């Protein structure tokens, strides 16, 4: 590193000050309580939903447990992060039947005798998990399961992950005229350089949001039935393409993400309640306005 670029200067200064840097980008964008959700919170939107859910990120976990150990195993995999569907957690299903197995001479079966076929009353328990949680959930399963060799299956799911994804939609507490809505945005986000498409004359009720450079999601906003789409960067030709199908609003990249520090603050203070935290008062927006 030479310190020629803005990023290199930051890294070199961090090294000199023995300071750790945590950088969250797309992961914070798609988080259920991430950047776009924080925008919705600041606008007091209700009925908030993900605009573009993530795909191919869900797995189905199925395991077979002795009936009297079901609660222990179920609790363990839920605590490890499995069983989340949208705004619900601890989601699972169980059915009862009989399992059979026979261990060889090197085994030490929890029930039954080695070398003999054993039938045990078992529960088939199934739940869902995100792909990135696979290792920790399976670890919890194996630790809680009483069998020497627990049986479990993992299936890839085609379902959209409705709890995480890019952007979100929500409804205003009360519908607003477009001009009133633009003033509201400007005040909430302190957007001095707010840009918008031509007013359509429609009332704004349903709003689509995407923090950062989310201009390409305007088609998804239209498909979702939004009256307005708010993001941090929109190209010239996107304004043309959107026409008067909805109110397109660019509040500024920095302005759309400025409250991300509150997200990180809440996450850290929840994990480390005695940790001293302080919000920086330095304005790092590289764009200035007259």
Foldseek 3Di string as FASTA:
>chain_A
DPCPDPVVVVVVVCVVVVHDDDDDDVVQQFALCHLQVVVCVLLVFPPKWALDFAWQFKKKKKWKAFPVLVVQLLVQLQVLAWADAAPDRSDKDKDKDKDKDAADPVDDFPDDDHPDIDIGIIIIMMTMGTNVSVVSSVVSNVVSGPGPDIDMDMGTDGDGRGSTDFWMKGFHPDKAQPVVVVVVLCVSLVQPPKDKADGLRDIFTMEIEGAAPDQVCVVSCLVVVGQEYEYADHDPVSSVVCDNSHMYMHSHNCSSRVCRVVVVVVVVCVVPVPDDDDDDPDDPPPDDDD
